[in-house]
Amino acid sequence: MTKMTHTRFAFIKANWHAHIVDQALAGFREVIHADRIDVFDVPGAFEMPLLARDLAASGRYAAVAAAAFVVDGGIYRHDFVAQAVVDGLMRAALDTGVPVLSVSLTPHQYQETAHHNAIYRAHFVQKGREAAEAALTIGRTRAALAA
């Protein structure tokens, strides 16, 4: 099997609900060693696609993962924001040819309670693992295609 040309990964995380979102990085690190991951913080989900595109275009990373928790704050349409973010991340991947993975969740019924926080924290760990596994799988598949 051909080795991937890049062995580093970028992980972007939104600071809104960091106590939940940071768990995605923990899950990502369960699959890919922390020494191979560069972490970048952004204020919120909406800022992720631009940075994802820049990181992917840098040529330094095998893949970029981006994590955010977009909830209904009562002021804006959270589903609109979530869709814009996911579309932007996909566009970053297609424009650069580097995998950009979304670990962005948009629950319909989130409440700031210990019960909901525990559920979503655990879910983000799992989604972080899945993103890391996807990054590795996509890298191996693309390397095999190039061989």
N, C-alpha and C. Protein backbone atom coordinates (compact mmCIF):
# COMPACT_ATOMS: atom_id res chain seq x y z
N MET A 1 0.83 -1.18 0.00
CA MET A 1 0.00 0.00 0.00
C MET A 1 0.89 1.25 0.00
N THR A 2 0.53 2.22 -0.80
CA THR A 2 1.30 3.46 -0.91
C THR A 2 1.07 4.33 0.32
N LYS A 3 2.15 4.94 0.80
CA LYS A 3 2.03 5.84 1.95
C LYS A 3 1.40 7.15 1.52
N MET A 4 0.67 7.77 2.42
CA MET A 4 0.14 9.10 2.16
C MET A 4 1.30 10.07 2.11
N THR A 5 1.20 11.09 1.25
CA THR A 5 2.29 12.05 1.13
C THR A 5 2.36 12.97 2.34
N HIS A 6 1.25 13.21 2.98
CA HIS A 6 1.22 14.07 4.17
C HIS A 6 0.79 13.21 5.36
N THR A 7 1.46 13.41 6.47
CA THR A 7 1.10 12.62 7.65
C THR A 7 0.51 13.49 8.74
N ARG A 8 0.30 14.77 8.46
CA ARG A 8 -0.27 15.68 9.44
C ARG A 8 -1.74 15.93 9.12
N PHE A 9 -2.47 16.25 10.18
CA PHE A 9 -3.90 16.52 10.05
C PHE A 9 -4.21 17.83 10.78
N ALA A 10 -5.13 18.59 10.23
CA ALA A 10 -5.58 19.83 10.87
C ALA A 10 -6.95 19.57 11.50
N PHE A 11 -7.14 20.13 12.69
CA PHE A 11 -8.42 19.99 13.39
C PHE A 11 -8.86 21.38 13.82
N ILE A 12 -9.98 21.82 13.28
CA ILE A 12 -10.55 23.13 13.62
C ILE A 12 -11.70 22.89 14.58
N LYS A 13 -11.75 23.70 15.65
CA LYS A 13 -12.87 23.57 16.58
C LYS A 13 -13.43 24.93 16.93
N ALA A 14 -14.75 25.00 16.89
CA ALA A 14 -15.45 26.23 17.24
C ALA A 14 -15.49 26.37 18.76
N ASN A 15 -15.33 27.59 19.24
CA ASN A 15 -15.30 27.82 20.68
C ASN A 15 -16.68 27.87 21.34
N TRP A 16 -17.74 28.09 20.57
CA TRP A 16 -19.08 28.04 21.16
C TRP A 16 -19.33 26.62 21.66
N HIS A 17 -19.76 26.49 22.88
CA HIS A 17 -20.00 25.19 23.51
C HIS A 17 -18.74 24.33 23.51
N ALA A 18 -17.61 24.95 23.82
CA ALA A 18 -16.32 24.26 23.79
C ALA A 18 -16.32 23.03 24.70
N HIS A 19 -17.06 23.06 25.80
CA HIS A 19 -17.11 21.91 26.71
C HIS A 19 -17.67 20.67 26.02
N ILE A 20 -18.40 20.87 24.95
CA ILE A 20 -18.93 19.76 24.16
C ILE A 20 -18.05 19.52 22.93
N VAL A 21 -17.78 20.57 22.18
CA VAL A 21 -17.03 20.47 20.92
C VAL A 21 -15.64 19.88 21.12
N ASP A 22 -14.97 20.24 22.20
CA ASP A 22 -13.61 19.74 22.44
C ASP A 22 -13.56 18.22 22.54
N GLN A 23 -14.68 17.60 22.80
CA GLN A 23 -14.71 16.14 22.89
C GLN A 23 -14.49 15.49 21.54
N ALA A 24 -14.82 16.20 20.46
CA ALA A 24 -14.55 15.66 19.12
C ALA A 24 -13.04 15.53 18.91
N LEU A 25 -12.28 16.49 19.39
CA LEU A 25 -10.82 16.41 19.29
C LEU A 25 -10.31 15.24 20.12
N ALA A 26 -10.88 15.02 21.28
CA ALA A 26 -10.47 13.87 22.11
C ALA A 26 -10.69 12.57 21.34
N GLY A 27 -11.84 12.43 20.68
CA GLY A 27 -12.11 11.23 19.89
C GLY A 27 -11.17 11.10 18.70
N PHE A 28 -10.89 12.21 18.04
CA PHE A 28 -9.97 12.23 16.90
C PHE A 28 -8.59 11.74 17.33
N ARG A 29 -8.17 12.18 18.52
CA ARG A 29 -6.87 11.78 19.05
C ARG A 29 -6.82 10.33 19.50
N GLU A 30 -7.94 9.70 19.69
CA GLU A 30 -7.95 8.26 20.00
C GLU A 30 -7.54 7.43 18.80
N VAL A 31 -7.70 7.99 17.61
CA VAL A 31 -7.38 7.27 16.37
C VAL A 31 -6.08 7.76 15.74
N ILE A 32 -5.86 9.06 15.76
CA ILE A 32 -4.65 9.66 15.19
C ILE A 32 -3.88 10.31 16.33
N HIS A 33 -2.63 9.95 16.48
CA HIS A 33 -1.83 10.45 17.60
C HIS A 33 -1.76 11.97 17.58
N ALA A 34 -1.81 12.56 18.76
CA ALA A 34 -1.81 14.02 18.92
C ALA A 34 -0.60 14.69 18.26
N ASP A 35 0.53 13.99 18.17
CA ASP A 35 1.73 14.56 17.54
C ASP A 35 1.53 14.86 16.06
N ARG A 36 0.50 14.25 15.46
CA ARG A 36 0.25 14.42 14.03
C ARG A 36 -0.88 15.40 13.74
N ILE A 37 -1.39 16.05 14.78
CA ILE A 37 -2.57 16.92 14.64
C ILE A 37 -2.22 18.34 15.05
N ASP A 38 -2.52 19.29 14.17
CA ASP A 38 -2.42 20.71 14.51
C ASP A 38 -3.84 21.21 14.78
N VAL A 39 -4.01 21.88 15.90
CA VAL A 39 -5.35 22.30 16.34
C VAL A 39 -5.49 23.81 16.16
N PHE A 40 -6.65 24.20 15.64
CA PHE A 40 -6.95 25.60 15.39
C PHE A 40 -8.33 25.92 15.97
N ASP A 41 -8.40 27.01 16.72
CA ASP A 41 -9.66 27.45 17.30
C ASP A 41 -10.24 28.59 16.48
N VAL A 42 -11.56 28.59 16.34
CA VAL A 42 -12.28 29.70 15.71
C VAL A 42 -13.42 30.09 16.64
N PRO A 43 -13.93 31.31 16.52
CA PRO A 43 -15.00 31.75 17.43
C PRO A 43 -16.25 30.88 17.34
N GLY A 44 -16.70 30.59 16.13
CA GLY A 44 -17.92 29.81 15.97
C GLY A 44 -17.88 29.01 14.68
N ALA A 45 -18.96 28.30 14.41
CA ALA A 45 -19.03 27.43 13.25
C ALA A 45 -18.88 28.17 11.93
N PHE A 46 -19.45 29.36 11.86
CA PHE A 46 -19.47 30.11 10.61
C PHE A 46 -18.06 30.44 10.12
N GLU A 47 -17.10 30.50 11.02
CA GLU A 47 -15.72 30.83 10.65
C GLU A 47 -14.91 29.62 10.18
N MET A 48 -15.44 28.44 10.30
CA MET A 48 -14.68 27.24 9.96
C MET A 48 -14.37 27.06 8.47
N PRO A 49 -15.32 27.26 7.54
CA PRO A 49 -15.01 26.95 6.14
C PRO A 49 -13.84 27.73 5.56
N LEU A 50 -13.73 29.00 5.87
CA LEU A 50 -12.62 29.79 5.32
C LEU A 50 -11.28 29.27 5.82
N LEU A 51 -11.18 29.01 7.12
CA LEU A 51 -9.93 28.47 7.65
C LEU A 51 -9.67 27.07 7.11
N ALA A 52 -10.71 26.26 6.97
CA ALA A 52 -10.55 24.91 6.41
C ALA A 52 -9.98 24.99 5.00
N ARG A 53 -10.50 25.91 4.21
CA ARG A 53 -9.99 26.07 2.85
C ARG A 53 -8.52 26.48 2.86
N ASP A 54 -8.17 27.44 3.73
CA ASP A 54 -6.79 27.90 3.80
C ASP A 54 -5.84 26.80 4.26
N LEU A 55 -6.27 26.04 5.25
CA LEU A 55 -5.43 24.93 5.74
C LEU A 55 -5.28 23.85 4.68
N ALA A 56 -6.36 23.52 4.01
CA ALA A 56 -6.30 22.50 2.95
C ALA A 56 -5.40 22.96 1.81
N ALA A 57 -5.51 24.22 1.44
CA ALA A 57 -4.72 24.76 0.33
C ALA A 57 -3.24 24.91 0.68
N SER A 58 -2.91 24.88 1.95
CA SER A 58 -1.51 25.06 2.37
C SER A 58 -0.61 23.92 1.92
N GLY A 59 -1.17 22.77 1.64
CA GLY A 59 -0.37 21.63 1.23
C GLY A 59 0.29 20.90 2.39
N ARG A 60 -0.03 21.28 3.61
CA ARG A 60 0.60 20.68 4.80
C ARG A 60 -0.16 19.49 5.37
N TYR A 61 -1.42 19.31 4.97
CA TYR A 61 -2.27 18.36 5.68
C TYR A 61 -2.87 17.30 4.76
N ALA A 62 -2.94 16.08 5.28
CA ALA A 62 -3.60 14.99 4.58
C ALA A 62 -5.10 15.18 4.59
N ALA A 63 -5.61 15.81 5.63
CA ALA A 63 -7.05 16.08 5.76
C ALA A 63 -7.24 17.16 6.81
N VAL A 64 -8.41 17.78 6.75
CA VAL A 64 -8.81 18.81 7.71
C VAL A 64 -10.15 18.36 8.28
N ALA A 65 -10.27 18.39 9.61
CA ALA A 65 -11.54 18.10 10.27
C ALA A 65 -12.00 19.38 10.96
N ALA A 66 -13.30 19.60 10.98
CA ALA A 66 -13.85 20.81 11.58
C ALA A 66 -15.04 20.44 12.45
N ALA A 67 -15.01 20.88 13.71
CA ALA A 67 -16.04 20.50 14.68
C ALA A 67 -16.75 21.73 15.24
N ALA A 68 -18.08 21.63 15.30
CA ALA A 68 -18.89 22.70 15.88
C ALA A 68 -20.21 22.12 16.36
N PHE A 69 -20.83 22.85 17.26
CA PHE A 69 -22.13 22.49 17.82
C PHE A 69 -23.03 23.70 17.58
N VAL A 70 -23.91 23.60 16.61
CA VAL A 70 -24.76 24.72 16.21
C VAL A 70 -26.15 24.50 16.80
N VAL A 71 -26.50 25.33 17.77
CA VAL A 71 -27.79 25.16 18.45
C VAL A 71 -28.69 26.36 18.19
N ASP A 72 -29.96 26.15 18.41
CA ASP A 72 -30.95 27.21 18.24
C ASP A 72 -30.82 28.18 19.41
N GLY A 73 -30.26 29.35 19.11
CA GLY A 73 -30.09 30.36 20.14
C GLY A 73 -31.26 31.31 20.24
N GLY A 74 -32.27 31.10 19.41
CA GLY A 74 -33.45 31.94 19.44
C GLY A 74 -33.32 33.24 18.67
N ILE A 75 -32.11 33.56 18.21
CA ILE A 75 -31.89 34.82 17.51
C ILE A 75 -31.79 34.60 16.00
N TYR A 76 -31.24 33.49 15.59
CA TYR A 76 -31.04 33.21 14.18
C TYR A 76 -31.49 31.79 13.88
N ARG A 77 -31.59 31.49 12.61
CA ARG A 77 -31.98 30.14 12.19
C ARG A 77 -30.75 29.24 12.22
N HIS A 78 -30.63 28.43 13.25
CA HIS A 78 -29.44 27.60 13.38
C HIS A 78 -29.31 26.60 12.24
N ASP A 79 -30.42 26.15 11.67
CA ASP A 79 -30.33 25.22 10.55
C ASP A 79 -29.73 25.89 9.32
N PHE A 80 -30.00 27.17 9.13
CA PHE A 80 -29.39 27.92 8.03
C PHE A 80 -27.88 28.02 8.23
N VAL A 81 -27.45 28.33 9.44
CA VAL A 81 -26.02 28.44 9.74
C VAL A 81 -25.36 27.07 9.51
N ALA A 82 -25.96 26.02 10.04
CA ALA A 82 -25.38 24.68 9.90
C ALA A 82 -25.24 24.29 8.43
N GLN A 83 -26.25 24.57 7.63
CA GLN A 83 -26.20 24.23 6.20
C GLN A 83 -25.11 25.02 5.49
N ALA A 84 -24.99 26.30 5.82
CA ALA A 84 -23.94 27.13 5.21
C ALA A 84 -22.56 26.60 5.57
N VAL A 85 -22.39 26.17 6.81
CA VAL A 85 -21.09 25.65 7.26
C VAL A 85 -20.74 24.36 6.52
N VAL A 86 -21.67 23.43 6.48
CA VAL A 86 -21.41 22.15 5.81
C VAL A 86 -21.15 22.37 4.32
N ASP A 87 -21.93 23.24 3.69
CA ASP A 87 -21.70 23.55 2.28
C ASP A 87 -20.31 24.16 2.08
N GLY A 88 -19.91 25.07 2.97
CA GLY A 88 -18.60 25.70 2.87
C GLY A 88 -17.47 24.71 3.05
N LEU A 89 -17.63 23.78 3.99
CA LEU A 89 -16.60 22.76 4.20
C LEU A 89 -16.47 21.86 2.97
N MET A 90 -17.60 21.48 2.40
CA MET A 90 -17.55 20.64 1.19
C MET A 90 -16.88 21.39 0.05
N ARG A 91 -17.21 22.67 -0.08
CA ARG A 91 -16.60 23.47 -1.14
C ARG A 91 -15.09 23.58 -0.94
N ALA A 92 -14.65 23.73 0.32
CA ALA A 92 -13.22 23.79 0.60
C ALA A 92 -12.53 22.51 0.13
N ALA A 93 -13.16 21.38 0.38
CA ALA A 93 -12.58 20.10 -0.05
C ALA A 93 -12.54 19.99 -1.57
N LEU A 94 -13.64 20.32 -2.21
CA LEU A 94 -13.69 20.20 -3.66
C LEU A 94 -12.75 21.20 -4.35
N ASP A 95 -12.62 22.39 -3.79
CA ASP A 95 -11.74 23.40 -4.39
C ASP A 95 -10.27 23.07 -4.23
N THR A 96 -9.90 22.39 -3.15
CA THR A 96 -8.48 22.13 -2.88
C THR A 96 -8.06 20.70 -3.17
N GLY A 97 -9.00 19.78 -3.25
CA GLY A 97 -8.65 18.38 -3.44
C GLY A 97 -8.18 17.69 -2.17
N VAL A 98 -8.33 18.35 -1.03
CA VAL A 98 -7.94 17.79 0.26
C VAL A 98 -9.22 17.45 1.03
N PRO A 99 -9.31 16.26 1.60
CA PRO A 99 -10.51 15.93 2.37
C PRO A 99 -10.75 16.91 3.52
N VAL A 100 -11.95 17.43 3.60
CA VAL A 100 -12.38 18.29 4.70
C VAL A 100 -13.60 17.63 5.32
N LEU A 101 -13.46 17.23 6.57
CA LEU A 101 -14.49 16.43 7.23
C LEU A 101 -15.24 17.27 8.25
N SER A 102 -16.55 17.09 8.27
CA SER A 102 -17.39 17.85 9.19
C SER A 102 -17.76 17.01 10.41
N VAL A 103 -17.51 17.58 11.57
CA VAL A 103 -17.97 17.01 12.83
C VAL A 103 -18.88 18.08 13.45
N SER A 104 -19.80 18.55 12.63
CA SER A 104 -20.69 19.62 13.04
C SER A 104 -22.09 19.06 13.26
N LEU A 105 -22.59 19.26 14.46
CA LEU A 105 -23.91 18.74 14.80
C LEU A 105 -24.88 19.88 15.07
N THR A 106 -26.13 19.65 14.70
CA THR A 106 -27.19 20.64 14.86
C THR A 106 -28.41 19.98 15.48
N PRO A 107 -28.44 19.87 16.80
CA PRO A 107 -29.59 19.23 17.43
C PRO A 107 -30.82 20.13 17.39
N HIS A 108 -31.98 19.50 17.31
CA HIS A 108 -33.23 20.27 17.30
C HIS A 108 -33.73 20.55 18.70
N GLN A 109 -33.35 19.75 19.66
CA GLN A 109 -33.91 19.86 21.01
C GLN A 109 -32.84 19.97 22.09
N TYR A 110 -31.80 20.74 21.87
CA TYR A 110 -30.75 20.87 22.88
C TYR A 110 -31.19 21.81 24.00
N GLN A 111 -30.91 21.39 25.22
CA GLN A 111 -31.11 22.23 26.39
C GLN A 111 -29.83 22.17 27.22
N GLU A 112 -29.46 23.29 27.80
CA GLU A 112 -28.23 23.37 28.59
C GLU A 112 -28.46 22.70 29.95
N THR A 113 -28.54 21.37 29.92
CA THR A 113 -28.71 20.59 31.15
C THR A 113 -27.58 19.58 31.24
N ALA A 114 -27.33 19.08 32.43
CA ALA A 114 -26.28 18.07 32.62
C ALA A 114 -26.55 16.84 31.76
N HIS A 115 -27.81 16.44 31.67
CA HIS A 115 -28.19 15.26 30.89
C HIS A 115 -27.86 15.46 29.40
N HIS A 116 -28.31 16.58 28.81
CA HIS A 116 -28.03 16.83 27.39
C HIS A 116 -26.54 17.02 27.15
N ASN A 117 -25.86 17.72 28.05
CA ASN A 117 -24.42 17.92 27.87
C ASN A 117 -23.69 16.59 27.85
N ALA A 118 -24.06 15.68 28.73
CA ALA A 118 -23.41 14.36 28.77
C ALA A 118 -23.66 13.58 27.48
N ILE A 119 -24.89 13.64 26.99
CA ILE A 119 -25.23 12.93 25.75
C ILE A 119 -24.39 13.47 24.59
N TYR A 120 -24.35 14.78 24.43
CA TYR A 120 -23.64 15.36 23.29
C TYR A 120 -22.13 15.28 23.43
N ARG A 121 -21.63 15.34 24.65
CA ARG A 121 -20.18 15.16 24.83
C ARG A 121 -19.77 13.77 24.36
N ALA A 122 -20.51 12.76 24.76
CA ALA A 122 -20.21 11.38 24.33
C ALA A 122 -20.36 11.24 22.82
N HIS A 123 -21.38 11.87 22.27
CA HIS A 123 -21.61 11.79 20.83
C HIS A 123 -20.46 12.45 20.05
N PHE A 124 -19.95 13.55 20.55
CA PHE A 124 -18.83 14.22 19.88
C PHE A 124 -17.56 13.38 19.95
N VAL A 125 -17.32 12.66 21.01
CA VAL A 125 -16.17 11.76 21.06
C VAL A 125 -16.28 10.75 19.92
N GLN A 126 -17.45 10.13 19.79
CA GLN A 126 -17.66 9.15 18.73
C GLN A 126 -17.50 9.77 17.35
N LYS A 127 -18.06 10.94 17.14
CA LYS A 127 -17.96 11.60 15.84
C LYS A 127 -16.51 12.00 15.54
N GLY A 128 -15.74 12.35 16.55
CA GLY A 128 -14.33 12.64 16.35
C GLY A 128 -13.56 11.41 15.89
N ARG A 129 -13.85 10.27 16.52
CA ARG A 129 -13.24 9.00 16.10
C ARG A 129 -13.58 8.70 14.64
N GLU A 130 -14.86 8.85 14.32
CA GLU A 130 -15.31 8.56 12.96
C GLU A 130 -14.64 9.46 11.93
N ALA A 131 -14.45 10.74 12.27
CA ALA A 131 -13.78 11.66 11.35
C ALA A 131 -12.33 11.24 11.13
N ALA A 132 -11.65 10.84 12.19
CA ALA A 132 -10.26 10.39 12.07
C ALA A 132 -10.18 9.13 11.22
N GLU A 133 -11.06 8.20 11.45
CA GLU A 133 -11.07 6.97 10.65
C GLU A 133 -11.36 7.28 9.18
N ALA A 134 -12.28 8.21 8.94
CA ALA A 134 -12.59 8.61 7.56
C ALA A 134 -11.37 9.27 6.91
N ALA A 135 -10.69 10.13 7.64
CA ALA A 135 -9.50 10.80 7.09
C ALA A 135 -8.45 9.78 6.68
N LEU A 136 -8.22 8.80 7.52
CA LEU A 136 -7.23 7.77 7.20
C LEU A 136 -7.67 6.91 6.02
N THR A 137 -8.93 6.54 6.00
CA THR A 137 -9.45 5.70 4.92
C THR A 137 -9.41 6.42 3.58
N ILE A 138 -9.84 7.68 3.57
CA ILE A 138 -9.81 8.45 2.33
C ILE A 138 -8.36 8.59 1.84
N GLY A 139 -7.44 8.84 2.76
CA GLY A 139 -6.04 8.96 2.39
C GLY A 139 -5.50 7.69 1.77
N ARG A 140 -5.80 6.55 2.37
CA ARG A 140 -5.32 5.28 1.82
C ARG A 140 -5.93 5.01 0.45
N THR A 141 -7.21 5.28 0.31
CA THR A 141 -7.89 5.02 -0.96
C THR A 141 -7.33 5.92 -2.06
N ARG A 142 -7.13 7.18 -1.76
CA ARG A 142 -6.60 8.10 -2.77
C ARG A 142 -5.14 7.76 -3.11
N ALA A 143 -4.37 7.31 -2.12
CA ALA A 143 -2.99 6.91 -2.39
C ALA A 143 -2.97 5.68 -3.30
N ALA A 144 -3.87 4.75 -3.07
CA ALA A 144 -3.94 3.56 -3.90
C ALA A 144 -4.34 3.91 -5.34
N LEU A 145 -5.23 4.87 -5.48
CA LEU A 145 -5.64 5.31 -6.83
C LEU A 145 -4.48 5.96 -7.58
N ALA A 146 -3.64 6.66 -6.84
CA ALA A 146 -2.52 7.36 -7.46
C ALA A 146 -1.37 6.43 -7.82
N ALA A 147 -1.36 5.23 -7.25
CA ALA A 147 -0.25 4.30 -7.47
C ALA A 147 -0.33 3.65 -8.84
